[in-house]
């Protein structure tokens, strides 16, 4: 599972809340992380959860491309946007 958020706060809270339900966030494949670094603003966080920052609200192509890359990533069966 990969998770996309538009807030660093949500990115910080998600793993703890998920762990309480028995869900873990595996590391992203390196090729996916590399491609995401070209999409996500430099002040975002490329990881899992992926923090596309609030900029993705105004530049929707950031979110769209991020979701596409995660959906294509090997080993990622579910993408959650929260």
C-alpha atoms as a PDB file:
ATOM      1  CA  UNK A   1       0.000   0.000   0.000  1.00  0.00           C
ATOM      2  CA  UNK A   2       1.150   3.503  -0.801  1.00  0.00           C
ATOM      3  CA  UNK A   3      -0.407   6.639   0.632  1.00  0.00           C
ATOM      4  CA  UNK A   4      -0.436  10.164  -0.817  1.00  0.00           C
ATOM      5  CA  UNK A   5      -1.113  13.217   1.344  1.00  0.00           C
ATOM      6  CA  UNK A   6      -1.010  16.958   0.768  1.00  0.00           C
ATOM      7  CA  UNK A   7       0.212  17.787   4.259  1.00  0.00           C
ATOM      8  CA  UNK A   8       3.328  16.967   6.214  1.00  0.00           C
ATOM      9  CA  UNK A   9       1.176  16.641   9.325  1.00  0.00           C
ATOM     10  CA  UNK A  10      -0.911  13.911   7.726  1.00  0.00           C
ATOM     11  CA  UNK A  11       2.242  12.195   6.518  1.00  0.00           C
ATOM     12  CA  UNK A  12       3.532  12.179  10.075  1.00  0.00           C
ATOM     13  CA  UNK A  13       0.337  10.832  11.601  1.00  0.00           C
ATOM     14  CA  UNK A  14      -0.529   8.199   8.982  1.00  0.00           C
ATOM     15  CA  UNK A  15       2.053   5.525   9.845  1.00  0.00           C
ATOM     16  CA  UNK A  16       1.188   5.576  13.545  1.00  0.00           C
ATOM     17  CA  UNK A  17      -2.528   5.368  12.933  1.00  0.00           C
ATOM     18  CA  UNK A  18      -2.088   2.656  10.322  1.00  0.00           C
ATOM     19  CA  UNK A  19       0.165   0.597  12.585  1.00  0.00           C
ATOM     20  CA  UNK A  20      -2.605   0.546  15.194  1.00  0.00           C
ATOM     21  CA  UNK A  21      -4.714  -1.278  12.584  1.00  0.00           C
ATOM     22  CA  UNK A  22      -1.926  -3.622  11.537  1.00  0.00           C
ATOM     23  CA  UNK A  23      -1.094  -1.768   8.304  1.00  0.00           C
ATOM     24  CA  UNK A  24       2.474  -0.915   7.326  1.00  0.00           C
ATOM     25  CA  UNK A  25       3.872   1.358   4.635  1.00  0.00           C
ATOM     26  CA  UNK A  26       6.709  -0.349   2.762  1.00  0.00           C
ATOM     27  CA  UNK A  27       9.489   1.658   1.151  1.00  0.00           C
ATOM     28  CA  UNK A  28       8.829   2.714  -2.421  1.00  0.00           C
ATOM     29  CA  UNK A  29      10.796   1.026  -5.197  1.00  0.00           C
ATOM     30  CA  UNK A  30      13.876   3.145  -5.996  1.00  0.00           C
ATOM     31  CA  UNK A  31      12.819   3.717  -9.617  1.00  0.00           C
ATOM     32  CA  UNK A  32       9.447   5.040  -8.435  1.00  0.00           C
ATOM     33  CA  UNK A  33      11.046   7.281  -5.805  1.00  0.00           C
ATOM     34  CA  UNK A  34      13.446   8.672  -8.406  1.00  0.00           C
ATOM     35  CA  UNK A  35      10.599   9.458 -10.815  1.00  0.00           C
ATOM     36  CA  UNK A  36       8.582  11.072  -8.007  1.00  0.00           C
ATOM     37  CA  UNK A  37      11.474  13.390  -7.125  1.00  0.00           C
ATOM     38  CA  UNK A  38      10.990  14.955 -10.571  1.00  0.00           C
ATOM     39  CA  UNK A  39       7.301  15.567  -9.815  1.00  0.00           C
ATOM     40  CA  UNK A  40       7.024  16.451  -6.119  1.00  0.00           C
ATOM     41  CA  UNK A  41       8.150  19.930  -5.024  1.00  0.00           C
ATOM     42  CA  UNK A  42      11.593  19.883  -3.403  1.00  0.00           C
ATOM     43  CA  UNK A  43      10.059  20.771  -0.030  1.00  0.00           C
ATOM     44  CA  UNK A  44       7.798  17.705  -0.197  1.00  0.00           C
ATOM     45  CA  UNK A  45       8.761  14.279   1.037  1.00  0.00           C
ATOM     46  CA  UNK A  46       9.234  11.382  -1.354  1.00  0.00           C
ATOM     47  CA  UNK A  47       8.535   8.352   0.743  1.00  0.00           C
ATOM     48  CA  UNK A  48       5.613   6.280   1.854  1.00  0.00           C
ATOM     49  CA  UNK A  49       3.473   8.134   2.784  1.00  0.00           C
ATOM     50  CA  UNK A  50       4.191  10.503  -0.091  1.00  0.00           C
ATOM     51  CA  UNK A  51       3.802  14.194   0.802  1.00  0.00           C
ATOM     52  CA  UNK A  52       2.958  16.042  -2.425  1.00  0.00           C
ATOM     53  CA  UNK A  53       2.473  19.272  -0.390  1.00  0.00           C
ATOM     54  CA  UNK A  54      -0.403  21.708  -0.617  1.00  0.00           C
ATOM     55  CA  UNK A  55       1.012  22.823  -3.965  1.00  0.00           C
ATOM     56  CA  UNK A  56      -0.722  19.783  -5.501  1.00  0.00           C
ATOM     57  CA  UNK A  57      -4.060  21.455  -4.758  1.00  0.00           C
ATOM     58  CA  UNK A  58      -3.158  24.285  -7.129  1.00  0.00           C
ATOM     59  CA  UNK A  59      -1.024  22.320  -9.571  1.00  0.00           C
ATOM     60  CA  UNK A  60      -3.182  19.233  -9.994  1.00  0.00           C
ATOM     61  CA  UNK A  61      -0.675  17.661 -12.375  1.00  0.00           C
ATOM     62  CA  UNK A  62       1.538  16.997  -9.323  1.00  0.00           C
ATOM     63  CA  UNK A  63      -1.137  14.826  -7.744  1.00  0.00           C
ATOM     64  CA  UNK A  64      -2.166  13.221 -11.025  1.00  0.00           C
ATOM     65  CA  UNK A  65       1.373  12.201 -11.990  1.00  0.00           C
ATOM     66  CA  UNK A  66       2.158  11.034  -8.448  1.00  0.00           C
ATOM     67  CA  UNK A  67      -0.903   8.796  -8.402  1.00  0.00           C
ATOM     68  CA  UNK A  68       0.014   7.398 -11.827  1.00  0.00           C
ATOM     69  CA  UNK A  69       3.568   6.607 -10.733  1.00  0.00           C
ATOM     70  CA  UNK A  70       2.405   4.898  -7.554  1.00  0.00           C
ATOM     71  CA  UNK A  71      -0.238   2.890  -9.419  1.00  0.00           C
ATOM     72  CA  UNK A  72       2.472   1.628 -11.794  1.00  0.00           C
ATOM     73  CA  UNK A  73       4.973   0.810  -9.015  1.00  0.00           C
ATOM     74  CA  UNK A  74       5.903  -2.844  -8.558  1.00  0.00           C
ATOM     75  CA  UNK A  75       4.625  -4.195  -5.266  1.00  0.00           C
ATOM     76  CA  UNK A  76       2.039  -1.439  -4.758  1.00  0.00           C
ATOM     77  CA  UNK A  77      -1.434  -2.969  -4.901  1.00  0.00           C
ATOM     78  CA  UNK A  78      -3.404  -0.130  -3.296  1.00  0.00           C
ATOM     79  CA  UNK A  79      -2.945   3.650  -3.460  1.00  0.00           C
ATOM     80  CA  UNK A  80      -4.725   5.726  -0.818  1.00  0.00           C
ATOM     81  CA  UNK A  81      -5.146   9.492  -1.159  1.00  0.00           C
ATOM     82  CA  UNK A  82      -5.909  11.158   2.117  1.00  0.00           C
END
